């Protein structure tokens, strides 16, 4: 799978960003960072306490609005009990950032699963995210950098002080950008009809 990148490693302008974000994830903290869609709050999926903090900060009742971010299709497959071939094909060819909802793998903590046992999975294309995930060596559970019910933050300037202050590390890369971001397309496969259902377009 060919992975495109955002701003071609311009995050190297802030070399401490990657190290700080990496240490925060490893220590069970929360990171505020830009993705190829919108600004997000993320944590290690290996730290259930961090997941609970993420949900509390964003005022989410459960993990339904969260996504597991990975850097490759192979890494994505390790997080789902079954990735239907139609979803895999869609991941290969879809041009916009795409989130797929699939059954969660057994080794994922309960806190990271949707109430029905599924997970939302996305392969990132942003260069900073790819570098962070590869250095971390595992997925990052993310939620939009906003409290539930509020509009998605189109830029860093749209993020509330409550969210910023609730994170242990705030990435500086792309804070000055004014081009608005938008959420990914989200899709799942109906178990009854095996037809694709677009949950977000």
C-alpha atoms as a PDB file:
ATOM      1  CA  UNK A   1       0.000   0.000   0.000  1.00  0.00           C
ATOM      2  CA  UNK A   2       1.383   3.393  -0.954  1.00  0.00           C
ATOM      3  CA  UNK A   3       1.240   5.880   1.914  1.00  0.00           C
ATOM      4  CA  UNK A   4       1.118   9.573   1.135  1.00  0.00           C
ATOM      5  CA  UNK A   5       2.387  12.036   3.721  1.00  0.00           C
ATOM      6  CA  UNK A   6       1.344  15.492   4.842  1.00  0.00           C
ATOM      7  CA  UNK A   7       3.910  18.283   4.628  1.00  0.00           C
ATOM      8  CA  UNK A   8       6.717  15.819   3.897  1.00  0.00           C
ATOM      9  CA  UNK A   9       8.331  15.557   7.337  1.00  0.00           C
ATOM     10  CA  UNK A  10       8.071  19.291   8.010  1.00  0.00           C
ATOM     11  CA  UNK A  11       7.542  18.242  11.630  1.00  0.00           C
ATOM     12  CA  UNK A  12      11.343  18.031  11.871  1.00  0.00           C
ATOM     13  CA  UNK A  13      11.130  21.801  12.485  1.00  0.00           C
ATOM     14  CA  UNK A  14      10.212  20.742  16.024  1.00  0.00           C
ATOM     15  CA  UNK A  15      12.438  17.702  16.717  1.00  0.00           C
ATOM     16  CA  UNK A  16      11.295  17.554  20.348  1.00  0.00           C
ATOM     17  CA  UNK A  17       7.712  16.903  19.210  1.00  0.00           C
ATOM     18  CA  UNK A  18       8.302  13.271  18.332  1.00  0.00           C
ATOM     19  CA  UNK A  19      10.371  12.505  21.433  1.00  0.00           C
ATOM     20  CA  UNK A  20       7.928  14.246  23.751  1.00  0.00           C
ATOM     21  CA  UNK A  21       4.889  12.565  22.223  1.00  0.00           C
ATOM     22  CA  UNK A  22       6.613   9.178  22.283  1.00  0.00           C
ATOM     23  CA  UNK A  23       7.585   9.455  25.961  1.00  0.00           C
ATOM     24  CA  UNK A  24       4.068  10.582  26.841  1.00  0.00           C
ATOM     25  CA  UNK A  25       2.479   7.582  25.124  1.00  0.00           C
ATOM     26  CA  UNK A  26       4.928   5.172  26.728  1.00  0.00           C
ATOM     27  CA  UNK A  27       4.213   6.633  30.175  1.00  0.00           C
ATOM     28  CA  UNK A  28       0.431   6.404  29.810  1.00  0.00           C
ATOM     29  CA  UNK A  29      -0.204  10.104  29.160  1.00  0.00           C
ATOM     30  CA  UNK A  30      -2.385  11.996  26.683  1.00  0.00           C
ATOM     31  CA  UNK A  31      -1.013  13.623  23.528  1.00  0.00           C
ATOM     32  CA  UNK A  32      -2.700  16.400  21.535  1.00  0.00           C
ATOM     33  CA  UNK A  33      -1.606  16.063  17.918  1.00  0.00           C
ATOM     34  CA  UNK A  34      -2.615  16.777  14.307  1.00  0.00           C
ATOM     35  CA  UNK A  35      -3.593  13.930  12.003  1.00  0.00           C
ATOM     36  CA  UNK A  36      -4.421  13.700   8.310  1.00  0.00           C
ATOM     37  CA  UNK A  37      -7.989  14.644   9.295  1.00  0.00           C
ATOM     38  CA  UNK A  38      -8.489  16.770  12.433  1.00  0.00           C
ATOM     39  CA  UNK A  39      -6.626  17.465  15.663  1.00  0.00           C
ATOM     40  CA  UNK A  40      -6.988  14.571  18.092  1.00  0.00           C
ATOM     41  CA  UNK A  41      -6.196  13.467  21.624  1.00  0.00           C
ATOM     42  CA  UNK A  42      -4.434  10.118  21.745  1.00  0.00           C
ATOM     43  CA  UNK A  43      -3.076   7.566  24.176  1.00  0.00           C
ATOM     44  CA  UNK A  44      -1.551   4.116  24.255  1.00  0.00           C
ATOM     45  CA  UNK A  45      -4.059   1.308  23.925  1.00  0.00           C
ATOM     46  CA  UNK A  46      -1.886  -0.611  26.407  1.00  0.00           C
ATOM     47  CA  UNK A  47      -2.842   1.739  29.258  1.00  0.00           C
ATOM     48  CA  UNK A  48      -6.519   1.304  30.255  1.00  0.00           C
ATOM     49  CA  UNK A  49      -6.172   4.140  32.782  1.00  0.00           C
ATOM     50  CA  UNK A  50      -5.062   6.469  29.965  1.00  0.00           C
ATOM     51  CA  UNK A  51      -8.072   5.406  27.886  1.00  0.00           C
ATOM     52  CA  UNK A  52     -10.366   6.263  30.779  1.00  0.00           C
ATOM     53  CA  UNK A  53      -8.657   9.663  31.099  1.00  0.00           C
ATOM     54  CA  UNK A  54      -9.144  10.290  27.380  1.00  0.00           C
ATOM     55  CA  UNK A  55     -12.848   9.481  27.609  1.00  0.00           C
ATOM     56  CA  UNK A  56     -13.216  11.655  30.692  1.00  0.00           C
ATOM     57  CA  UNK A  57     -11.427  14.624  29.108  1.00  0.00           C
ATOM     58  CA  UNK A  58     -13.542  14.486  25.944  1.00  0.00           C
ATOM     59  CA  UNK A  59     -16.679  13.631  27.984  1.00  0.00           C
ATOM     60  CA  UNK A  60     -17.381  10.481  26.003  1.00  0.00           C
ATOM     61  CA  UNK A  61     -19.517   7.820  27.723  1.00  0.00           C
ATOM     62  CA  UNK A  62     -17.642   5.008  25.960  1.00  0.00           C
ATOM     63  CA  UNK A  63     -15.169   4.353  23.131  1.00  0.00           C
ATOM     64  CA  UNK A  64     -17.741   4.643  20.312  1.00  0.00           C
ATOM     65  CA  UNK A  65     -16.299   7.956  19.077  1.00  0.00           C
ATOM     66  CA  UNK A  66     -12.679   6.787  19.235  1.00  0.00           C
ATOM     67  CA  UNK A  67     -10.437   5.379  16.505  1.00  0.00           C
ATOM     68  CA  UNK A  68      -7.352   3.191  16.589  1.00  0.00           C
ATOM     69  CA  UNK A  69      -4.661   4.760  14.423  1.00  0.00           C
ATOM     70  CA  UNK A  70      -2.060   2.571  12.698  1.00  0.00           C
ATOM     71  CA  UNK A  71       0.606   3.111  10.046  1.00  0.00           C
ATOM     72  CA  UNK A  72       0.012   0.121   7.758  1.00  0.00           C
ATOM     73  CA  UNK A  73      -2.583  -2.399   6.634  1.00  0.00           C
ATOM     74  CA  UNK A  74      -0.596  -5.166   8.323  1.00  0.00           C
ATOM     75  CA  UNK A  75      -0.736  -3.327  11.647  1.00  0.00           C
ATOM     76  CA  UNK A  76      -4.454  -2.736  11.179  1.00  0.00           C
ATOM     77  CA  UNK A  77      -5.150  -6.433  10.605  1.00  0.00           C
ATOM     78  CA  UNK A  78      -3.609  -7.268  13.988  1.00  0.00           C
ATOM     79  CA  UNK A  79      -6.321  -5.233  15.732  1.00  0.00           C
ATOM     80  CA  UNK A  80      -9.406  -6.855  14.260  1.00  0.00           C
ATOM     81  CA  UNK A  81     -10.804 -10.354  14.592  1.00  0.00           C
ATOM     82  CA  UNK A  82     -11.786 -10.291  10.922  1.00  0.00           C
ATOM     83  CA  UNK A  83     -11.252  -7.755   8.148  1.00  0.00           C
ATOM     84  CA  UNK A  84     -13.649  -8.534   5.315  1.00  0.00           C
ATOM     85  CA  UNK A  85     -11.977  -8.570   1.857  1.00  0.00           C
ATOM     86  CA  UNK A  86     -14.300  -5.779   0.682  1.00  0.00           C
ATOM     87  CA  UNK A  87     -13.074  -3.521   3.473  1.00  0.00           C
ATOM     88  CA  UNK A  88      -9.473  -4.416   2.727  1.00  0.00           C
ATOM     89  CA  UNK A  89      -9.958  -3.554  -0.957  1.00  0.00           C
ATOM     90  CA  UNK A  90     -11.562  -0.257   0.008  1.00  0.00           C
ATOM     91  CA  UNK A  91      -8.571   0.600   2.197  1.00  0.00           C
ATOM     92  CA  UNK A  92      -6.244   0.032  -0.737  1.00  0.00           C
ATOM     93  CA  UNK A  93      -8.061   2.253  -3.191  1.00  0.00           C
ATOM     94  CA  UNK A  94      -9.957   4.928  -1.242  1.00  0.00           C
ATOM     95  CA  UNK A  95      -8.399   8.348  -1.797  1.00  0.00           C
ATOM     96  CA  UNK A  96      -9.694  10.217   1.269  1.00  0.00           C
ATOM     97  CA  UNK A  97      -8.734   9.192   4.813  1.00  0.00           C
ATOM     98  CA  UNK A  98     -10.889   6.168   5.603  1.00  0.00           C
ATOM     99  CA  UNK A  99     -11.987   4.639   8.907  1.00  0.00           C
ATOM    100  CA  UNK A 100     -13.347   1.100   8.904  1.00  0.00           C
ATOM    101  CA  UNK A 101     -15.423  -0.391  11.718  1.00  0.00           C
ATOM    102  CA  UNK A 102     -14.702  -4.080  12.287  1.00  0.00           C
ATOM    103  CA  UNK A 103     -14.817  -6.686  15.083  1.00  0.00           C
ATOM    104  CA  UNK A 104     -12.133  -6.017  17.685  1.00  0.00           C
ATOM    105  CA  UNK A 105      -9.294  -8.446  18.373  1.00  0.00           C
ATOM    106  CA  UNK A 106      -9.290 -10.442  21.615  1.00  0.00           C
ATOM    107  CA  UNK A 107      -6.118  -8.800  22.949  1.00  0.00           C
ATOM    108  CA  UNK A 108      -7.583  -5.281  22.939  1.00  0.00           C
ATOM    109  CA  UNK A 109      -8.649  -3.938  26.352  1.00  0.00           C
ATOM    110  CA  UNK A 110     -12.360  -3.602  27.001  1.00  0.00           C
ATOM    111  CA  UNK A 111     -11.963   0.167  27.417  1.00  0.00           C
ATOM    112  CA  UNK A 112     -10.899   0.494  23.757  1.00  0.00           C
ATOM    113  CA  UNK A 113     -13.857  -1.412  22.325  1.00  0.00           C
ATOM    114  CA  UNK A 114     -17.204  -0.049  21.228  1.00  0.00           C
ATOM    115  CA  UNK A 115     -20.165  -1.410  23.251  1.00  0.00           C
ATOM    116  CA  UNK A 116     -20.834  -4.014  20.519  1.00  0.00           C
ATOM    117  CA  UNK A 117     -17.208  -5.222  20.599  1.00  0.00           C
ATOM    118  CA  UNK A 118     -16.161  -3.481  17.398  1.00  0.00           C
ATOM    119  CA  UNK A 119     -13.363  -0.964  16.830  1.00  0.00           C
ATOM    120  CA  UNK A 120     -12.865   1.887  14.380  1.00  0.00           C
ATOM    121  CA  UNK A 121      -9.530   1.567  12.561  1.00  0.00           C
ATOM    122  CA  UNK A 122      -7.668   4.047  10.369  1.00  0.00           C
ATOM    123  CA  UNK A 123      -4.354   3.979   8.505  1.00  0.00           C
ATOM    124  CA  UNK A 124      -2.819   7.437   8.891  1.00  0.00           C
ATOM    125  CA  UNK A 125      -1.140   9.316   6.047  1.00  0.00           C
ATOM    126  CA  UNK A 126       0.278  12.299   7.908  1.00  0.00           C
ATOM    127  CA  UNK A 127       4.093  12.112   8.072  1.00  0.00           C
ATOM    128  CA  UNK A 128       4.258  13.030  11.764  1.00  0.00           C
ATOM    129  CA  UNK A 129       1.652  10.419  12.699  1.00  0.00           C
ATOM    130  CA  UNK A 130       3.379   7.731  10.660  1.00  0.00           C
ATOM    131  CA  UNK A 131       6.722   8.525  12.316  1.00  0.00           C
ATOM    132  CA  UNK A 132       5.193   8.552  15.792  1.00  0.00           C
ATOM    133  CA  UNK A 133       3.320   5.286  15.366  1.00  0.00           C
ATOM    134  CA  UNK A 134       6.315   3.506  13.868  1.00  0.00           C
ATOM    135  CA  UNK A 135       8.573   4.738  16.678  1.00  0.00           C
ATOM    136  CA  UNK A 136       5.986   3.754  19.275  1.00  0.00           C
ATOM    137  CA  UNK A 137       5.542   0.337  17.675  1.00  0.00           C
ATOM    138  CA  UNK A 138       1.820   0.076  18.298  1.00  0.00           C
ATOM    139  CA  UNK A 139      -1.560   1.692  17.729  1.00  0.00           C
ATOM    140  CA  UNK A 140      -2.740   4.925  19.305  1.00  0.00           C
ATOM    141  CA  UNK A 141      -6.324   5.274  20.465  1.00  0.00           C
ATOM    142  CA  UNK A 142      -7.578   8.714  19.434  1.00  0.00           C
ATOM    143  CA  UNK A 143     -10.626  10.899  19.893  1.00  0.00           C
ATOM    144  CA  UNK A 144     -11.433  14.281  18.327  1.00  0.00           C
ATOM    145  CA  UNK A 145      -9.862  17.119  20.329  1.00  0.00           C
ATOM    146  CA  UNK A 146     -13.220  18.388  21.501  1.00  0.00           C
ATOM    147  CA  UNK A 147     -15.755  17.649  24.212  1.00  0.00           C
ATOM    148  CA  UNK A 148     -18.767  15.593  23.148  1.00  0.00           C
ATOM    149  CA  UNK A 149     -21.408  17.580  21.312  1.00  0.00           C
ATOM    150  CA  UNK A 150     -19.146  20.470  20.310  1.00  0.00           C
ATOM    151  CA  UNK A 151     -18.087  21.057  16.667  1.00  0.00           C
ATOM    152  CA  UNK A 152     -14.926  19.350  15.460  1.00  0.00           C
ATOM    153  CA  UNK A 153     -11.890  21.668  15.641  1.00  0.00           C
ATOM    154  CA  UNK A 154     -11.051  22.688  12.058  1.00  0.00           C
ATOM    155  CA  UNK A 155      -7.659  24.062  13.174  1.00  0.00           C
ATOM    156  CA  UNK A 156      -5.553  24.140  16.333  1.00  0.00           C
ATOM    157  CA  UNK A 157      -7.061  27.527  17.170  1.00  0.00           C
ATOM    158  CA  UNK A 158     -10.467  25.896  17.508  1.00  0.00           C
ATOM    159  CA  UNK A 159      -9.388  23.608  20.356  1.00  0.00           C
ATOM    160  CA  UNK A 160     -10.608  24.619  23.808  1.00  0.00           C
ATOM    161  CA  UNK A 161      -8.228  25.420  26.660  1.00  0.00           C
ATOM    162  CA  UNK A 162      -9.863  22.585  28.622  1.00  0.00           C
ATOM    163  CA  UNK A 163      -8.647  20.032  26.086  1.00  0.00           C
ATOM    164  CA  UNK A 164      -5.188  21.600  25.736  1.00  0.00           C
ATOM    165  CA  UNK A 165      -4.610  21.779  29.477  1.00  0.00           C
ATOM    166  CA  UNK A 166      -5.869  18.226  29.947  1.00  0.00           C
ATOM    167  CA  UNK A 167      -3.116  16.766  27.751  1.00  0.00           C
ATOM    168  CA  UNK A 168       0.396  15.884  28.913  1.00  0.00           C
ATOM    169  CA  UNK A 169       2.059  16.801  25.609  1.00  0.00           C
ATOM    170  CA  UNK A 170       0.875  19.228  22.935  1.00  0.00           C
ATOM    171  CA  UNK A 171       2.498  18.814  19.519  1.00  0.00           C
ATOM    172  CA  UNK A 172       3.654  22.108  17.981  1.00  0.00           C
ATOM    173  CA  UNK A 173       3.795  20.810  14.409  1.00  0.00           C
ATOM    174  CA  UNK A 174       1.035  22.366  12.225  1.00  0.00           C
ATOM    175  CA  UNK A 175      -0.367  24.612  14.964  1.00  0.00           C
ATOM    176  CA  UNK A 176      -0.121  27.633  12.645  1.00  0.00           C
ATOM    177  CA  UNK A 177      -1.984  26.009   9.739  1.00  0.00           C
ATOM    178  CA  UNK A 178      -5.238  27.668   8.739  1.00  0.00           C
ATOM    179  CA  UNK A 179      -6.505  25.093   6.243  1.00  0.00           C
ATOM    180  CA  UNK A 180      -9.469  23.411   7.938  1.00  0.00           C
ATOM    181  CA  UNK A 181      -9.353  19.679   8.562  1.00  0.00           C
ATOM    182  CA  UNK A 182     -12.343  17.376   8.317  1.00  0.00           C
ATOM    183  CA  UNK A 183     -13.147  13.922   9.706  1.00  0.00           C
ATOM    184  CA  UNK A 184     -12.460  10.772   7.713  1.00  0.00           C
ATOM    185  CA  UNK A 185     -15.027   8.795   5.786  1.00  0.00           C
ATOM    186  CA  UNK A 186     -16.276   5.964   8.028  1.00  0.00           C
ATOM    187  CA  UNK A 187     -17.632   2.658   6.756  1.00  0.00           C
ATOM    188  CA  UNK A 188     -18.609  -0.775   8.005  1.00  0.00           C
ATOM    189  CA  UNK A 189     -19.892  -3.942   6.380  1.00  0.00           C
ATOM    190  CA  UNK A 190     -23.419  -5.061   7.220  1.00  0.00           C
ATOM    191  CA  UNK A 191     -23.372  -8.576   8.678  1.00  0.00           C
ATOM    192  CA  UNK A 192     -26.829  -9.297   7.275  1.00  0.00           C
ATOM    193  CA  UNK A 193     -26.451  -8.082   3.694  1.00  0.00           C
ATOM    194  CA  UNK A 194     -22.641  -7.797   3.332  1.00  0.00           C
ATOM    195  CA  UNK A 195     -23.247  -4.354   1.856  1.00  0.00           C
ATOM    196  CA  UNK A 196     -21.072  -1.384   2.731  1.00  0.00           C
ATOM    197  CA  UNK A 197     -22.693   1.084   5.110  1.00  0.00           C
ATOM    198  CA  UNK A 198     -21.238   4.596   5.147  1.00  0.00           C
ATOM    199  CA  UNK A 199     -21.540   5.919   8.684  1.00  0.00           C
ATOM    200  CA  UNK A 200     -19.803   9.205   7.865  1.00  0.00           C
ATOM    201  CA  UNK A 201     -19.161  10.721   4.430  1.00  0.00           C
END
